[in-house]
Amino acid sequence: MKKILKKYKLLNDEFKASIWYTISNIFQKAAPWLIMIILTHTITSAEYGKYSVYMSWVEIIEIIVTLRIYSNGFVAGLIRNNERKKEYTTTIEKTSIILVTIWMVITILFRKYISTWLSIDEKLVVFMIFSFYGTISFGIWSSIQRVENQYKTILFATLLYSILGPVIGALSVFLNFEDKVLYVVAIRTVIQFITSIPFLCSNLKGNSKVFDKYIAIDAIKYNLPLIPYYLSMVLLNSSDKIMIQKIYGYEETAIYSIAYSISMMIFIVSGALNLAIQPWLFKKIKNNENKKNTSFIKIATVLVSVCCCMAVIVAPELIEIFGGKNYITAIWVMPPLILSVFVMFIYQQFVNVLFYYKNTKTILLISVFSAILNIILNSIIIPIYGFIAAGYTTLFSYLIVMILYYQAMKKICSKNNINYRNIFDAKFQFLLLFVIIALFIIIVLFYNTIYIRYSIIIISLIIIYVKKEYIIKLLRGFKDE
C-alpha cells in the first residue's frame, strides 16, 4: 500500500484527476444502474418505458431551458477570465436561475399543451423544469472544481447530489403508490433540489450582489448557437427511444433503453477521462507549447477501448443482471451502442478544440447535420428492420460526426498556428477504432457460446501480461511528460 501511495504522489495532476473522476463517475453512474435494476424488477416494462421516455425528454428540455450555460462554455470562460472568476461564476449562476425561472412560469401557464405535445403527465412536466434549479447549481460548482483539480471534493459532492435523491426516489416503488413513475420522479427532484442549496451558496459566496450584464450577455450569445449542437448530441442518444415508442410502444422502448443504459456504462471511464482532458487541453492550447505530448489522450483512448471490449463480451450476462430474461433481446443492440461511445470519446477531444476557439458555427452545422441524418435513417430503417436497427443508425451517424469534427479541428488549429499533432495522434486512434470494429464482429458471431467469449477475455489478459513491460514503459513515459 505504501508503494502504491508513493507512486500515486508522483503522478501529475491530470492523471490523478482522471483516477478520481473515474471513481466519482462509478458512484454517479451506479445510481442509474441501481434505479434500472429496481424499476425493471418491480414495475411493468410499459411503466419502465414511460420512465425512460421521460428521462429522454429531460435531457432534451434541459438544453433549451438552461442553454447548458454551466458546461463547456463556462469551463473555457473560467480559464479565459481567471482574474475575475468569482465575479464570472456569480453572474453565470444568476443568469441560469433567471432562465429556469422564466421557463418555469411558461410551463405552469401552458402545462396542458406541453404535456400533450410531450405525451407525459402535466405534473411530470412541472417537476422536470423544477429539477433544473439543482442541475445548474451543481453543474457550475463541479465545473469550478474540475478547473481547480479539486477531484476529491467532487467525489463527495457526487455521492450527495447524484445518488441520494435518485436512489431514494426509485425505492418509493415499494410504497405501492398508484402512479409509481410520478413518485419516483417527484421524490428524486425534491431531494436533489435540497442537496443543491450548498452548491448554490458556494457559487454566490462573497459576491451575492454582483451581476455583470456583459458577462451574462456574452455567455448567452456563446451558448445560444450551441443549442442545436447539444440538442443534436442528445437526439443522437435519445431520439431512438422516442421514435421507437411512437412506432412500436413502451415495451420495445424499455428493451432498447436497457441496452442503451448498460452501454453507457463505458462513460464511467470515458466521461471521467474527458473531464480530466478538457482543462488540460485548454491550457495546452492557451500556452501553445511546441512540445509533443500525445501520451495522455493515447492512453485514455486505449483504456476506453478495453472497457468497450469487456462490456461487449459480457453483454448477455449484463442484460440478465440488470434487466432480467425478459430483456435478453437487448444484447443485439449493445455492440453498436458501445462502439458509439468509443467513437464519441474520440471526437469529443476534437470538439474541445472548437469550444476553446468559440467556433460555434462549425459545431452548429455538424451537429444539426448529424441529428437530421440520424432521424432520417431511423424513420426509414426502424420500421423495416425493427428497433435493433436503431443502434446501427446511431453508430453510422457518430462515425460521420467524428470525421467532420476531425477535419474542422485540423482547420482551426492551422488557422491559429497550433500543431495539432503535438496533442493528438489521430492515426493511432483511428487504427485502434478499426481493430475494435473487427473484434466486435467476431464477438457477436459467438454471442451464444459463452466459452468462446470468455476465452477471448483470458487471451486478452495473457497478452497484457506478456506485454506488461511495454505497457509500464508507456505509463512511465506519460508520468515523465
Protein backbone atom coordinates (compact mmCIF):
# COMPACT_ATOMS: atom_id res chain seq x y z
CA MET A 1 0.00 0.00 0.00
CA LYS A 2 2.88 2.36 0.79
CA LYS A 3 4.39 1.67 -2.65
CA ILE A 4 1.07 2.39 -4.32
CA LEU A 5 0.66 5.65 -2.41
CA LYS A 6 4.23 6.65 -3.25
CA LYS A 7 3.64 6.07 -6.97
CA TYR A 8 0.32 7.90 -6.76
CA LYS A 9 2.03 11.00 -5.34
CA LEU A 10 4.44 11.03 -8.30
CA LEU A 11 1.60 11.26 -10.84
CA ASN A 12 0.77 14.61 -12.43
CA ASP A 13 -2.45 16.43 -11.57
CA GLU A 14 -4.26 15.42 -14.78
CA PHE A 15 -3.65 11.71 -14.22
CA LYS A 16 -4.69 11.98 -10.57
CA ALA A 17 -7.79 13.85 -11.68
CA SER A 18 -8.70 11.12 -14.18
CA ILE A 19 -8.44 8.48 -11.42
CA TRP A 20 -10.70 10.39 -9.06
CA TYR A 21 -13.12 11.37 -11.82
CA THR A 22 -13.38 7.67 -12.66
CA ILE A 23 -14.20 6.84 -9.04
CA SER A 24 -16.69 9.70 -8.97
CA ASN A 25 -18.28 8.51 -12.22
CA ILE A 26 -18.56 4.98 -10.83
CA PHE A 27 -20.70 6.30 -7.99
CA GLN A 28 -22.58 8.69 -10.26
CA LYS A 29 -23.40 6.01 -12.82
CA ALA A 30 -24.14 3.47 -10.12
CA ALA A 31 -27.32 5.39 -9.30
CA PRO A 32 -28.99 4.98 -12.75
CA TRP A 33 -27.99 1.30 -12.85
CA LEU A 34 -29.35 0.67 -9.37
CA ILE A 35 -32.53 2.53 -10.35
CA MET A 36 -32.72 0.42 -13.52
CA ILE A 37 -32.43 -2.82 -11.54
CA ILE A 38 -35.06 -1.69 -9.02
CA LEU A 39 -37.55 -0.49 -11.63
CA THR A 40 -37.15 -3.33 -14.15
CA HIS A 41 -37.80 -5.87 -11.38
CA THR A 42 -40.70 -4.05 -9.68
CA ILE A 43 -42.74 -2.32 -12.40
CA THR A 44 -44.02 -3.41 -15.79
CA SER A 45 -41.94 -2.96 -18.92
CA ALA A 46 -44.53 -0.44 -20.16
CA GLU A 47 -44.07 1.65 -16.99
CA TYR A 48 -40.29 1.45 -17.31
CA GLY A 49 -40.64 2.52 -20.93
CA LYS A 50 -42.66 5.53 -19.75
CA TYR A 51 -39.90 6.40 -17.26
CA SER A 52 -37.22 6.05 -19.96
CA VAL A 53 -39.11 8.35 -22.35
CA TYR A 54 -39.48 10.93 -19.54
CA MET A 55 -35.74 10.84 -18.85
CA SER A 56 -35.07 11.26 -22.58
CA TRP A 57 -37.23 14.40 -22.63
CA VAL A 58 -35.40 15.69 -19.54
CA GLU A 59 -32.13 15.61 -21.49
CA ILE A 60 -33.68 17.47 -24.42
CA ILE A 61 -35.66 20.11 -22.49
CA GLU A 62 -32.76 20.82 -20.12
CA ILE A 63 -30.70 22.09 -23.05
CA ILE A 64 -33.42 24.51 -24.16
CA VAL A 65 -34.08 25.80 -20.64
CA THR A 66 -30.54 26.15 -19.24
CA LEU A 67 -28.62 26.54 -22.53
CA ARG A 68 -26.06 24.27 -20.80
CA ILE A 69 -24.53 27.56 -19.73
CA TYR A 70 -22.67 25.75 -16.93
CA SER A 71 -20.89 23.31 -19.25
CA ASN A 72 -18.11 23.66 -21.85
CA GLY A 73 -18.52 27.40 -22.34
CA PHE A 74 -18.30 28.01 -18.60
CA VAL A 75 -15.08 26.00 -18.26
CA ALA A 76 -13.46 27.86 -21.15
CA GLY A 77 -14.73 31.16 -19.69
CA LEU A 78 -13.22 30.44 -16.29
CA ILE A 79 -9.82 29.85 -17.85
CA ARG A 80 -10.05 32.96 -20.03
CA ASN A 81 -11.33 35.08 -17.09
CA ASN A 82 -9.11 33.64 -14.40
CA GLU A 83 -8.58 37.04 -12.74
CA ARG A 84 -12.36 37.59 -12.38
CA LYS A 85 -13.51 34.03 -11.83
CA LYS A 86 -15.62 34.81 -8.72
CA GLU A 87 -17.49 37.60 -10.48
CA TYR A 88 -17.81 35.40 -13.56
CA THR A 89 -19.21 32.47 -11.53
CA THR A 90 -21.77 34.58 -9.66
CA THR A 91 -23.05 36.15 -12.87
CA ILE A 92 -23.42 32.79 -14.62
CA GLU A 93 -25.27 31.35 -11.60
CA LYS A 94 -27.75 34.23 -11.52
CA THR A 95 -28.21 34.15 -15.28
CA SER A 96 -29.01 30.44 -15.11
CA ILE A 97 -31.57 30.96 -12.32
CA ILE A 98 -33.29 33.67 -14.36
CA LEU A 99 -33.50 31.38 -17.40
CA VAL A 100 -35.00 28.49 -15.44
CA THR A 101 -37.49 30.78 -13.67
CA ILE A 102 -38.74 32.23 -16.96
CA TRP A 103 -39.32 28.72 -18.31
CA MET A 104 -40.99 27.63 -15.06
CA VAL A 105 -43.59 30.40 -15.45
CA ILE A 106 -44.15 29.46 -19.10
CA THR A 107 -44.50 25.79 -18.19
CA ILE A 108 -47.07 26.42 -15.43
CA LEU A 109 -49.15 28.61 -17.74
CA PHE A 110 -49.06 26.23 -20.71
CA ARG A 111 -48.54 22.88 -18.97
CA LYS A 112 -51.56 21.24 -20.65
CA TYR A 113 -50.29 21.97 -24.15
CA ILE A 114 -46.72 20.98 -23.28
CA SER A 115 -47.96 17.77 -21.65
CA THR A 116 -49.94 16.83 -24.75
CA TRP A 117 -47.00 17.58 -27.05
CA LEU A 118 -44.51 15.55 -24.98
CA SER A 119 -47.03 12.77 -24.20
CA ILE A 120 -46.20 12.85 -20.49
CA ASP A 121 -48.19 13.82 -17.38
CA GLU A 122 -48.62 17.54 -16.54
CA LYS A 123 -47.11 17.05 -13.07
CA LEU A 124 -44.06 15.38 -14.58
CA VAL A 125 -43.59 18.37 -16.88
CA VAL A 126 -43.52 20.78 -13.90
CA PHE A 127 -41.14 18.56 -11.90
CA MET A 128 -38.90 18.38 -14.96
CA ILE A 129 -38.40 22.17 -15.12
CA PHE A 130 -38.06 22.43 -11.33
CA SER A 131 -35.23 19.88 -11.35
CA PHE A 132 -33.09 22.22 -13.45
CA TYR A 133 -32.53 24.55 -10.48
CA GLY A 134 -30.42 21.82 -8.92
CA THR A 135 -28.79 20.94 -12.23
CA ILE A 136 -27.37 24.41 -12.83
CA SER A 137 -26.02 24.94 -9.30
CA PHE A 138 -24.33 21.56 -9.15
CA GLY A 139 -23.09 21.92 -12.75
CA ILE A 140 -21.46 25.31 -12.15
CA TRP A 141 -19.90 24.23 -8.85
CA SER A 142 -18.49 20.97 -10.23
CA SER A 143 -17.04 22.78 -13.29
CA ILE A 144 -15.10 25.07 -10.95
CA GLN A 145 -13.74 22.08 -9.05
CA ARG A 146 -12.63 20.45 -12.32
CA VAL A 147 -10.69 23.51 -13.41
CA GLU A 148 -9.01 23.68 -10.00
CA ASN A 149 -8.44 19.89 -9.94
CA GLN A 150 -10.43 19.51 -6.71
CA TYR A 151 -11.28 15.94 -7.67
CA LYS A 152 -11.73 14.55 -4.14
CA THR A 153 -14.31 17.21 -3.36
CA ILE A 154 -16.24 16.27 -6.49
CA LEU A 155 -16.39 12.65 -5.30
CA PHE A 156 -18.11 13.63 -2.05
CA ALA A 157 -20.48 16.01 -3.84
CA THR A 158 -21.41 13.33 -6.36
CA LEU A 159 -22.38 10.98 -3.54
CA LEU A 160 -24.55 13.71 -2.04
CA TYR A 161 -26.26 15.07 -5.17
CA SER A 162 -26.24 12.39 -7.86
CA ILE A 163 -27.02 9.30 -5.79
CA LEU A 164 -29.08 10.18 -2.72
CA GLY A 165 -32.17 11.61 -4.46
CA PRO A 166 -32.38 9.24 -7.43
CA VAL A 167 -31.98 6.09 -5.33
CA ILE A 168 -34.48 7.15 -2.66
CA GLY A 169 -36.89 8.12 -5.42
CA ALA A 170 -36.59 4.68 -7.03
CA LEU A 171 -37.13 2.94 -3.68
CA SER A 172 -40.51 4.68 -3.41
CA VAL A 173 -41.94 1.98 -5.75
CA PHE A 174 -42.09 -0.31 -2.72
CA LEU A 175 -44.62 2.03 -1.07
CA ASN A 176 -47.20 0.93 -3.66
CA PHE A 177 -48.26 4.39 -4.81
CA GLU A 178 -50.83 4.37 -7.58
CA ASP A 179 -48.70 6.33 -10.03
CA LYS A 180 -45.27 4.87 -9.33
CA VAL A 181 -43.37 6.77 -12.04
CA LEU A 182 -44.69 10.13 -10.77
CA TYR A 183 -43.50 9.50 -7.20
CA VAL A 184 -40.11 8.19 -8.36
CA VAL A 185 -39.59 11.49 -10.22
CA ALA A 186 -41.10 13.76 -7.55
CA ILE A 187 -39.08 12.42 -4.61
CA ARG A 188 -35.89 12.42 -6.66
CA THR A 189 -36.39 16.04 -7.76
CA VAL A 190 -37.18 17.42 -4.28
CA ILE A 191 -34.18 15.73 -2.63
CA GLN A 192 -31.79 16.89 -5.38
CA PHE A 193 -33.06 20.46 -5.05
CA ILE A 194 -32.42 20.46 -1.31
CA THR A 195 -28.93 18.99 -1.69
CA SER A 196 -28.07 21.57 -4.38
CA ILE A 197 -28.53 24.50 -1.99
CA PRO A 198 -24.94 24.28 -0.56
CA PHE A 199 -23.58 24.40 -4.13
CA LEU A 200 -25.71 27.47 -4.86
CA CYS A 201 -24.40 29.20 -1.73
CA SER A 202 -20.81 28.34 -2.66
CA ASN A 203 -21.25 29.78 -6.17
CA LEU A 204 -22.60 33.06 -4.75
CA LYS A 205 -20.34 33.28 -1.68
CA GLY A 206 -18.85 36.73 -1.21
CA ASN A 207 -20.35 38.02 -4.45
CA SER A 208 -24.10 37.67 -3.96
CA LYS A 209 -24.76 41.25 -5.12
CA VAL A 210 -22.55 41.04 -8.19
CA PHE A 211 -24.06 40.78 -11.66
CA ASP A 212 -22.13 41.77 -14.77
CA LYS A 213 -24.60 42.11 -17.62
CA TYR A 214 -21.82 41.97 -20.20
CA ILE A 215 -20.69 38.57 -18.90
CA ALA A 216 -24.31 37.37 -18.93
CA ILE A 217 -24.93 38.62 -22.48
CA ASP A 218 -21.65 37.14 -23.71
CA ALA A 219 -22.48 33.77 -22.10
CA ILE A 220 -25.93 33.69 -23.69
CA LYS A 221 -24.52 34.70 -27.09
CA TYR A 222 -21.90 31.98 -26.77
CA ASN A 223 -24.35 29.25 -25.78
CA LEU A 224 -27.38 30.08 -27.94
CA PRO A 225 -25.73 28.85 -31.16
CA LEU A 226 -24.71 25.71 -29.25
CA ILE A 227 -28.31 24.69 -28.56
CA PRO A 228 -28.56 22.82 -31.89
CA TYR A 229 -25.23 21.14 -31.09
CA TYR A 230 -26.32 19.97 -27.65
CA LEU A 231 -29.75 19.01 -28.97
CA SER A 232 -28.28 17.05 -31.84
CA MET A 233 -25.98 15.14 -29.49
CA VAL A 234 -28.91 14.32 -27.21
CA LEU A 235 -31.11 13.47 -30.18
CA LEU A 236 -28.43 11.08 -31.38
CA ASN A 237 -28.79 9.37 -28.00
CA SER A 238 -32.47 9.87 -27.19
CA SER A 239 -34.40 10.24 -30.45
CA ASP A 240 -34.10 6.48 -30.94
CA LYS A 241 -36.11 5.80 -27.79
CA ILE A 242 -38.72 8.45 -28.60
CA MET A 243 -39.17 7.17 -32.16
CA ILE A 244 -39.31 3.52 -31.05
CA GLN A 245 -42.03 4.48 -28.57
CA LYS A 246 -44.02 6.22 -31.31
CA ILE A 247 -43.62 3.31 -33.77
CA TYR A 248 -43.75 0.21 -31.53
CA GLY A 249 -44.74 1.24 -28.00
CA TYR A 250 -43.35 1.45 -24.47
CA GLU A 251 -42.29 -2.22 -24.14
CA GLU A 252 -39.88 -2.12 -27.10
CA THR A 253 -38.65 1.22 -25.81
CA ALA A 254 -37.90 -0.42 -22.46
CA ILE A 255 -35.81 -3.16 -24.14
CA TYR A 256 -33.82 -0.62 -26.15
CA SER A 257 -33.41 1.57 -23.06
CA ILE A 258 -31.88 -1.31 -21.11
CA ALA A 259 -29.29 -1.86 -23.86
CA TYR A 260 -28.61 1.86 -24.06
CA SER A 261 -28.23 2.29 -20.29
CA ILE A 262 -25.83 -0.64 -19.96
CA SER A 263 -23.82 0.55 -22.96
CA MET A 264 -23.42 3.90 -21.28
CA MET A 265 -21.51 2.13 -18.51
CA ILE A 266 -18.41 2.92 -20.53
CA PHE A 267 -18.95 6.55 -19.56
CA ILE A 268 -17.53 5.63 -16.16
CA VAL A 269 -14.15 5.75 -17.84
CA SER A 270 -14.69 7.84 -20.99
CA GLY A 271 -16.63 10.57 -19.21
CA ALA A 272 -14.11 10.78 -16.37
CA LEU A 273 -11.17 10.92 -18.76
CA ASN A 274 -12.82 13.62 -20.86
CA LEU A 275 -13.44 15.71 -17.73
CA ALA A 276 -9.73 15.44 -16.93
CA ILE A 277 -8.60 16.04 -20.52
CA GLN A 278 -10.69 19.15 -21.20
CA PRO A 279 -8.99 21.63 -18.79
CA TRP A 280 -5.59 20.10 -19.67
CA LEU A 281 -6.28 20.55 -23.38
CA PHE A 282 -7.48 24.14 -22.96
CA LYS A 283 -4.29 25.01 -21.07
CA LYS A 284 -2.11 23.35 -23.73
CA ILE A 285 -3.81 25.35 -26.47
CA LYS A 286 -3.57 28.59 -24.48
CA ASN A 287 0.18 28.12 -23.83
CA ASN A 288 0.81 26.77 -27.36
CA GLU A 289 3.71 24.65 -26.21
CA ASN A 290 5.87 23.41 -29.09
CA LYS A 291 6.29 20.00 -27.48
CA LYS A 292 4.74 16.71 -28.48
CA ASN A 293 2.58 15.35 -25.68
CA THR A 294 0.13 12.78 -27.06
CA SER A 295 0.50 10.16 -24.32
CA PHE A 296 -2.39 11.40 -22.19
CA ILE A 297 -5.01 11.10 -24.93
CA LYS A 298 -3.49 7.89 -26.38
CA ILE A 299 -3.54 6.05 -23.07
CA ALA A 300 -7.05 7.36 -22.38
CA THR A 301 -8.22 6.02 -25.76
CA VAL A 302 -6.73 2.58 -25.05
CA LEU A 303 -8.42 2.43 -21.63
CA VAL A 304 -11.80 3.26 -23.17
CA SER A 305 -11.32 0.64 -25.92
CA VAL A 306 -10.52 -2.08 -23.37
CA CYS A 307 -13.64 -1.23 -21.38
CA CYS A 308 -15.73 -1.34 -24.57
CA CYS A 309 -14.42 -4.81 -25.46
CA MET A 310 -15.08 -6.18 -21.99
CA ALA A 311 -18.62 -4.78 -22.00
CA VAL A 312 -19.44 -6.38 -25.37
CA ILE A 313 -18.06 -9.77 -24.30
CA VAL A 314 -20.20 -9.95 -21.13
CA ALA A 315 -23.25 -8.21 -22.66
CA PRO A 316 -25.64 -11.20 -22.30
CA GLU A 317 -24.80 -11.58 -18.62
CA LEU A 318 -25.16 -7.83 -18.01
CA ILE A 319 -28.61 -7.84 -19.59
CA GLU A 320 -29.77 -10.68 -17.33
CA ILE A 321 -28.39 -8.98 -14.22
CA PHE A 322 -29.78 -5.50 -14.88
CA GLY A 323 -32.99 -6.31 -16.72
CA GLY A 324 -33.76 -9.98 -16.48
CA LYS A 325 -34.56 -12.57 -19.14
CA ASN A 326 -37.49 -10.51 -20.43
CA TYR A 327 -34.98 -8.02 -21.84
CA ILE A 328 -32.48 -10.51 -23.34
CA THR A 329 -33.23 -9.30 -26.90
CA ALA A 330 -31.33 -6.15 -25.98
CA ILE A 331 -27.96 -7.94 -26.41
CA TRP A 332 -28.12 -7.39 -30.19
CA VAL A 333 -28.36 -3.62 -29.75
CA MET A 334 -25.42 -3.30 -27.38
CA PRO A 335 -22.42 -3.76 -29.77
CA PRO A 336 -23.20 -0.75 -32.00
CA LEU A 337 -24.18 1.36 -28.99
CA ILE A 338 -20.98 0.53 -27.11
CA LEU A 339 -18.93 1.26 -30.22
CA SER A 340 -20.77 4.58 -30.50
CA VAL A 341 -19.49 5.50 -27.02
CA PHE A 342 -15.93 4.82 -28.16
CA VAL A 343 -16.36 6.93 -31.30
CA MET A 344 -17.91 9.68 -29.17
CA PHE A 345 -14.89 9.72 -26.88
CA ILE A 346 -12.54 10.17 -29.84
CA TYR A 347 -14.40 13.04 -31.47
CA GLN A 348 -15.11 14.82 -28.17
CA GLN A 349 -11.43 15.75 -27.98
CA PHE A 350 -11.69 17.40 -31.40
CA VAL A 351 -14.83 19.25 -30.29
CA ASN A 352 -12.99 20.60 -27.23
CA VAL A 353 -10.62 22.47 -29.55
CA LEU A 354 -13.58 24.09 -31.33
CA PHE A 355 -15.10 25.01 -27.96
CA TYR A 356 -11.92 26.78 -26.90
CA TYR A 357 -11.80 28.93 -30.03
CA LYS A 358 -15.55 29.67 -29.82
CA ASN A 359 -16.06 28.11 -33.24
CA THR A 360 -19.73 27.55 -32.54
CA LYS A 361 -20.83 27.90 -36.15
CA THR A 362 -18.92 24.80 -37.21
CA ILE A 363 -20.20 22.89 -34.19
CA LEU A 364 -23.71 24.03 -35.08
CA LEU A 365 -23.52 22.90 -38.71
CA ILE A 366 -22.02 19.48 -37.94
CA SER A 367 -24.34 18.75 -35.04
CA VAL A 368 -27.50 19.73 -36.92
CA PHE A 369 -26.43 17.66 -39.92
CA SER A 370 -25.75 14.60 -37.74
CA ALA A 371 -29.06 14.90 -35.89
CA ILE A 372 -31.05 15.21 -39.11
CA LEU A 373 -29.12 12.29 -40.63
CA ASN A 374 -29.87 10.09 -37.61
CA ILE A 375 -33.58 10.97 -37.55
CA ILE A 376 -33.93 10.32 -41.29
CA LEU A 377 -32.13 6.97 -41.01
CA ASN A 378 -34.28 6.00 -38.02
CA SER A 379 -37.53 6.91 -39.79
CA ILE A 380 -36.56 4.76 -42.78
CA ILE A 381 -34.79 1.79 -41.17
CA ILE A 382 -36.57 1.23 -37.82
CA PRO A 383 -39.99 0.46 -39.37
CA ILE A 384 -38.33 -2.06 -41.74
CA TYR A 385 -35.73 -3.80 -39.55
CA GLY A 386 -37.09 -3.15 -36.05
CA PHE A 387 -35.79 -1.31 -33.01
CA ILE A 388 -32.43 -3.16 -33.07
CA ALA A 389 -31.50 -1.23 -36.23
CA ALA A 390 -31.60 2.00 -34.21
CA GLY A 391 -28.25 1.08 -32.66
CA TYR A 392 -26.61 0.85 -36.07
CA THR A 393 -28.07 4.11 -37.34
CA THR A 394 -26.65 5.80 -34.24
CA LEU A 395 -23.21 4.29 -34.85
CA PHE A 396 -23.17 5.33 -38.51
CA SER A 397 -24.15 8.89 -37.56
CA TYR A 398 -21.39 9.04 -34.94
CA LEU A 399 -18.77 7.92 -37.44
CA ILE A 400 -19.77 10.70 -39.83
CA VAL A 401 -19.65 13.21 -36.96
CA MET A 402 -16.15 12.05 -35.98
CA ILE A 403 -14.78 12.57 -39.49
CA LEU A 404 -16.33 16.03 -39.79
CA TYR A 405 -15.06 17.20 -36.39
CA TYR A 406 -11.59 15.88 -37.15
CA GLN A 407 -11.40 17.96 -40.34
CA ALA A 408 -12.78 21.02 -38.54
CA MET A 409 -10.24 20.62 -35.72
CA LYS A 410 -7.32 20.46 -38.18
CA LYS A 411 -8.54 23.57 -39.97
CA ILE A 412 -8.92 25.72 -36.85
CA CYS A 413 -5.56 24.58 -35.44
CA SER A 414 -3.87 25.56 -38.70
CA LYS A 415 -5.59 28.94 -38.61
CA ASN A 416 -4.31 29.62 -35.08
CA ASN A 417 -0.79 28.24 -35.71
CA ILE A 418 -1.34 25.24 -33.44
CA ASN A 419 0.35 21.97 -34.36
CA TYR A 420 -2.45 19.52 -33.55
CA ARG A 421 -0.03 16.60 -33.87
CA ASN A 422 1.60 17.74 -30.63
CA ILE A 423 -1.65 16.89 -28.84
CA PHE A 424 -3.45 14.26 -30.95
CA ASP A 425 -2.21 11.04 -32.51
CA ALA A 426 -5.24 10.65 -34.78
CA LYS A 427 -3.71 7.83 -36.84
CA PHE A 428 -3.32 5.75 -33.70
CA GLN A 429 -6.90 6.45 -32.60
CA PHE A 430 -8.42 5.62 -35.99
CA LEU A 431 -6.36 2.42 -36.33
CA LEU A 432 -7.50 1.33 -32.88
CA LEU A 433 -11.10 2.02 -33.91
CA PHE A 434 -10.81 -0.33 -36.93
CA VAL A 435 -9.31 -3.04 -34.71
CA ILE A 436 -12.18 -2.71 -32.23
CA ILE A 437 -14.80 -2.92 -35.01
CA ALA A 438 -13.25 -6.16 -36.30
CA LEU A 439 -13.08 -7.60 -32.81
CA PHE A 440 -16.73 -6.71 -32.14
CA ILE A 441 -17.84 -8.58 -35.27
CA ILE A 442 -16.02 -11.72 -34.06
CA ILE A 443 -17.53 -11.44 -30.56
CA VAL A 444 -21.09 -11.03 -31.88
CA LEU A 445 -20.74 -14.17 -34.01
CA PHE A 446 -20.11 -16.12 -30.80
CA TYR A 447 -22.67 -14.42 -28.55
CA ASN A 448 -24.45 -17.71 -27.91
CA THR A 449 -21.22 -19.50 -26.93
CA ILE A 450 -20.13 -18.37 -23.51
CA TYR A 451 -16.90 -20.42 -23.51
CA ILE A 452 -15.55 -18.69 -26.61
CA ARG A 453 -16.48 -15.25 -25.31
CA TYR A 454 -14.71 -15.74 -22.02
CA SER A 455 -11.76 -17.37 -23.75
CA ILE A 456 -11.27 -14.04 -25.52
CA ILE A 457 -11.01 -12.36 -22.12
CA ILE A 458 -8.43 -14.90 -20.92
CA ILE A 459 -6.37 -14.50 -24.09
CA SER A 460 -6.50 -10.72 -23.72
CA LEU A 461 -5.27 -10.94 -20.14
CA ILE A 462 -2.39 -13.19 -21.25
CA ILE A 463 -1.42 -10.66 -23.95
CA ILE A 464 -1.49 -7.86 -21.38
CA TYR A 465 0.74 -9.91 -19.08
CA VAL A 466 3.22 -10.69 -21.88
CA LYS A 467 3.31 -7.03 -22.92
CA LYS A 468 3.36 -5.71 -19.37
CA GLU A 469 6.85 -4.18 -19.73
CA TYR A 470 5.78 -2.24 -22.81
CA ILE A 471 2.63 -1.05 -21.02
CA ILE A 472 4.63 0.01 -17.98
CA LYS A 473 7.04 1.86 -20.26
CA LEU A 474 4.14 3.79 -21.79
CA LEU A 475 2.79 4.70 -18.38
CA ARG A 476 6.21 5.83 -17.19
CA GLY A 477 6.62 7.94 -20.30
CA PHE A 478 3.28 9.56 -19.60
CA LYS A 479 4.26 10.23 -15.98
CA ASP A 480 7.52 11.88 -17.09
CA GLU A 481 5.65 14.16 -19.51
